[in-house]
Every structure is written in C-alpha cells, then in structure tokens.
Amino acid sequence: MAKGKVSKIIDGDTFKIQDGKSIRLSKVRAPELGTKGGAKARNELSSLIEGKTVSYDEKRESYNSSLLASC
C-alpha cells in the first residue's frame, strides 16, 4: 500500500498528493465542481483528508489520467 500527503483537493472524489500524482477515489461518485452539490462534495472531502497522509492501493489509471485508487 502506497502513502502520500494530500496537497490539493480537486473535487469530491479527486485529490493530489505532494509527489504530483492525481488520485481519484474508486467506487465514489461525487458531483463535479460547477454542478449542484459539487462545492459541498469538495469541501467535505477537504475536511476529511486535506493536509493529511493517506494510504492507497493503486487500481489503474482512470479516463482523465488520474490514478484510480482505494483509500
């Protein structure tokens, strides 16, 4: 299992870690920013993990070049 410190929250199911990897949470469907509920979803994820070190299992690369992972 890999680890990384969360450096930026992209939206309700995607974030970046300090090494620059973009990680999308597997099996999570959150509204995109700019759609109803998008800002709330991003803020909720931010309150849970921003600035913290997370452990994740790499699954595969997703459609938008993010790493699909479970945390």
N, C-alpha and C. Protein backbone atom coordinates (compact mmCIF):
# COMPACT_ATOMS: atom_id res chain seq x y z
N MET A 1 0.86 -1.17 0.00
CA MET A 1 0.00 0.00 0.00
C MET A 1 0.91 1.23 0.00
N ALA A 2 0.62 2.17 -0.90
CA ALA A 2 1.39 3.40 -1.00
C ALA A 2 0.83 4.45 -0.05
N LYS A 3 1.65 5.47 0.24
CA LYS A 3 1.22 6.56 1.09
C LYS A 3 1.63 7.88 0.46
N GLY A 4 0.87 8.92 0.77
CA GLY A 4 1.21 10.25 0.29
C GLY A 4 0.44 11.31 1.07
N LYS A 5 1.03 12.49 1.17
CA LYS A 5 0.38 13.60 1.86
C LYS A 5 -0.48 14.37 0.86
N VAL A 6 -1.74 14.58 1.22
CA VAL A 6 -2.68 15.28 0.34
C VAL A 6 -2.31 16.76 0.28
N SER A 7 -2.11 17.24 -0.95
CA SER A 7 -1.70 18.64 -1.13
C SER A 7 -2.82 19.51 -1.71
N LYS A 8 -3.79 18.90 -2.40
CA LYS A 8 -4.85 19.69 -3.02
C LYS A 8 -6.07 18.82 -3.26
N ILE A 9 -7.24 19.37 -2.99
CA ILE A 9 -8.49 18.68 -3.29
C ILE A 9 -9.01 19.23 -4.61
N ILE A 10 -9.24 18.37 -5.57
CA ILE A 10 -9.71 18.79 -6.89
C ILE A 10 -11.23 18.91 -6.89
N ASP A 11 -11.90 17.85 -6.47
CA ASP A 11 -13.36 17.84 -6.35
C ASP A 11 -13.74 16.81 -5.31
N GLY A 12 -14.97 16.36 -5.30
CA GLY A 12 -15.44 15.47 -4.25
C GLY A 12 -14.90 14.05 -4.29
N ASP A 13 -14.21 13.67 -5.37
CA ASP A 13 -13.65 12.33 -5.44
C ASP A 13 -12.23 12.29 -6.01
N THR A 14 -11.59 13.45 -6.14
CA THR A 14 -10.24 13.51 -6.71
C THR A 14 -9.37 14.47 -5.91
N PHE A 15 -8.14 14.06 -5.69
CA PHE A 15 -7.19 14.91 -4.97
C PHE A 15 -5.78 14.67 -5.48
N LYS A 16 -4.86 15.56 -5.12
CA LYS A 16 -3.46 15.41 -5.47
C LYS A 16 -2.65 15.19 -4.20
N ILE A 17 -1.57 14.42 -4.36
CA ILE A 17 -0.64 14.25 -3.26
C ILE A 17 0.64 15.00 -3.60
N GLN A 18 1.52 15.17 -2.62
CA GLN A 18 2.69 16.02 -2.78
C GLN A 18 3.61 15.64 -3.92
N ASP A 19 3.67 14.38 -4.30
CA ASP A 19 4.56 14.00 -5.40
C ASP A 19 3.97 14.33 -6.77
N GLY A 20 2.78 14.96 -6.78
CA GLY A 20 2.15 15.39 -8.03
C GLY A 20 1.12 14.44 -8.59
N LYS A 21 1.01 13.23 -8.03
CA LYS A 21 0.00 12.28 -8.51
C LYS A 21 -1.39 12.79 -8.23
N SER A 22 -2.25 12.62 -9.20
CA SER A 22 -3.67 12.91 -9.05
C SER A 22 -4.38 11.58 -8.80
N ILE A 23 -5.16 11.51 -7.74
CA ILE A 23 -5.81 10.26 -7.34
C ILE A 23 -7.32 10.45 -7.31
N ARG A 24 -8.02 9.56 -8.01
CA ARG A 24 -9.48 9.54 -7.99
C ARG A 24 -9.92 8.35 -7.17
N LEU A 25 -10.84 8.59 -6.25
CA LEU A 25 -11.30 7.53 -5.37
C LEU A 25 -12.15 6.50 -6.11
N SER A 26 -11.77 5.26 -5.98
CA SER A 26 -12.51 4.16 -6.58
C SER A 26 -13.87 4.00 -5.90
N LYS A 27 -14.88 3.72 -6.67
CA LYS A 27 -16.24 3.45 -6.19
C LYS A 27 -16.89 4.65 -5.51
N VAL A 28 -16.41 5.86 -5.79
CA VAL A 28 -17.01 7.08 -5.26
C VAL A 28 -17.47 7.93 -6.44
N ARG A 29 -18.73 8.32 -6.45
CA ARG A 29 -19.27 9.18 -7.50
C ARG A 29 -19.76 10.46 -6.83
N ALA A 30 -18.94 11.49 -6.91
CA ALA A 30 -19.30 12.78 -6.33
C ALA A 30 -19.62 13.76 -7.45
N PRO A 31 -20.49 14.73 -7.21
CA PRO A 31 -20.80 15.72 -8.24
C PRO A 31 -19.55 16.53 -8.59
N GLU A 32 -19.43 16.90 -9.85
CA GLU A 32 -18.31 17.71 -10.31
C GLU A 32 -18.49 19.14 -9.85
N LEU A 33 -17.38 19.86 -9.69
CA LEU A 33 -17.47 21.29 -9.38
C LEU A 33 -18.26 21.97 -10.49
N GLY A 34 -19.04 22.95 -10.15
CA GLY A 34 -19.86 23.65 -11.13
C GLY A 34 -21.23 23.03 -11.32
N THR A 35 -21.46 21.87 -10.68
CA THR A 35 -22.78 21.26 -10.73
C THR A 35 -23.36 21.28 -9.31
N LYS A 36 -24.65 21.04 -9.21
CA LYS A 36 -25.32 21.06 -7.91
C LYS A 36 -24.64 20.06 -6.96
N GLY A 37 -24.23 20.53 -5.82
CA GLY A 37 -23.59 19.68 -4.82
C GLY A 37 -22.09 19.54 -4.98
N GLY A 38 -21.53 20.04 -6.06
CA GLY A 38 -20.10 19.88 -6.32
C GLY A 38 -19.21 20.56 -5.29
N ALA A 39 -19.53 21.80 -4.95
CA ALA A 39 -18.73 22.53 -3.97
C ALA A 39 -18.83 21.88 -2.60
N LYS A 40 -20.02 21.43 -2.24
CA LYS A 40 -20.20 20.77 -0.94
C LYS A 40 -19.39 19.47 -0.89
N ALA A 41 -19.41 18.70 -1.97
CA ALA A 41 -18.66 17.44 -2.01
C ALA A 41 -17.16 17.71 -1.86
N ARG A 42 -16.66 18.72 -2.56
CA ARG A 42 -15.24 19.07 -2.46
C ARG A 42 -14.90 19.51 -1.03
N ASN A 43 -15.74 20.33 -0.44
CA ASN A 43 -15.48 20.80 0.92
C ASN A 43 -15.50 19.65 1.93
N GLU A 44 -16.40 18.70 1.74
CA GLU A 44 -16.48 17.55 2.65
C GLU A 44 -15.20 16.71 2.56
N LEU A 45 -14.74 16.42 1.33
CA LEU A 45 -13.52 15.65 1.17
C LEU A 45 -12.34 16.42 1.76
N SER A 46 -12.31 17.72 1.54
CA SER A 46 -11.24 18.56 2.09
C SER A 46 -11.20 18.47 3.61
N SER A 47 -12.36 18.53 4.25
CA SER A 47 -12.39 18.48 5.72
C SER A 47 -11.90 17.14 6.26
N LEU A 48 -11.99 16.10 5.44
CA LEU A 48 -11.57 14.77 5.88
C LEU A 48 -10.08 14.49 5.66
N ILE A 49 -9.52 14.95 4.52
CA ILE A 49 -8.16 14.49 4.18
C ILE A 49 -7.14 15.57 3.82
N GLU A 50 -7.54 16.80 3.57
CA GLU A 50 -6.56 17.80 3.11
C GLU A 50 -5.45 17.99 4.15
N GLY A 51 -4.19 17.91 3.68
CA GLY A 51 -3.04 18.07 4.55
C GLY A 51 -2.65 16.83 5.32
N LYS A 52 -3.42 15.77 5.19
CA LYS A 52 -3.15 14.53 5.92
C LYS A 52 -2.44 13.53 5.01
N THR A 53 -1.77 12.57 5.63
CA THR A 53 -1.15 11.49 4.89
C THR A 53 -2.17 10.36 4.75
N VAL A 54 -2.36 9.91 3.51
CA VAL A 54 -3.33 8.85 3.24
C VAL A 54 -2.60 7.63 2.66
N SER A 55 -3.15 6.48 2.91
CA SER A 55 -2.68 5.23 2.31
C SER A 55 -3.63 4.87 1.19
N TYR A 56 -3.08 4.34 0.09
CA TYR A 56 -3.95 4.00 -1.03
C TYR A 56 -3.40 2.81 -1.81
N ASP A 57 -4.31 2.05 -2.40
CA ASP A 57 -3.98 0.93 -3.29
C ASP A 57 -4.26 1.38 -4.71
N GLU A 58 -3.24 1.37 -5.54
CA GLU A 58 -3.42 1.75 -6.93
C GLU A 58 -4.19 0.66 -7.66
N LYS A 59 -5.24 1.07 -8.37
CA LYS A 59 -6.06 0.13 -9.13
C LYS A 59 -5.67 0.18 -10.62
N ARG A 60 -5.78 1.35 -11.21
CA ARG A 60 -5.43 1.57 -12.62
C ARG A 60 -5.53 3.06 -12.90
N GLU A 61 -5.14 3.45 -14.09
CA GLU A 61 -5.27 4.84 -14.47
C GLU A 61 -6.69 5.08 -14.97
N SER A 62 -7.31 6.18 -14.54
CA SER A 62 -8.68 6.47 -14.96
C SER A 62 -8.67 7.22 -16.28
N TYR A 63 -9.84 7.50 -16.78
CA TYR A 63 -10.02 8.13 -18.08
C TYR A 63 -9.36 9.50 -18.20
N ASN A 64 -9.16 10.21 -17.10
CA ASN A 64 -8.60 11.57 -17.17
C ASN A 64 -7.17 11.63 -16.66
N SER A 65 -6.44 10.53 -16.76
CA SER A 65 -5.04 10.42 -16.35
C SER A 65 -4.82 10.45 -14.85
N SER A 66 -5.88 10.46 -14.07
CA SER A 66 -5.73 10.32 -12.63
C SER A 66 -5.52 8.86 -12.31
N LEU A 67 -4.88 8.60 -11.20
CA LEU A 67 -4.72 7.24 -10.72
C LEU A 67 -5.98 6.85 -9.99
N LEU A 68 -6.61 5.76 -10.38
CA LEU A 68 -7.80 5.27 -9.69
C LEU A 68 -7.32 4.42 -8.51
N ALA A 69 -7.78 4.75 -7.30
CA ALA A 69 -7.26 4.07 -6.12
C ALA A 69 -8.33 3.95 -5.05
N SER A 70 -8.14 2.99 -4.16
CA SER A 70 -8.98 2.90 -2.97
C SER A 70 -8.12 3.33 -1.79
N CYS A 71 -8.74 4.06 -0.89
CA CYS A 71 -8.02 4.59 0.28
C CYS A 71 -8.60 4.04 1.56
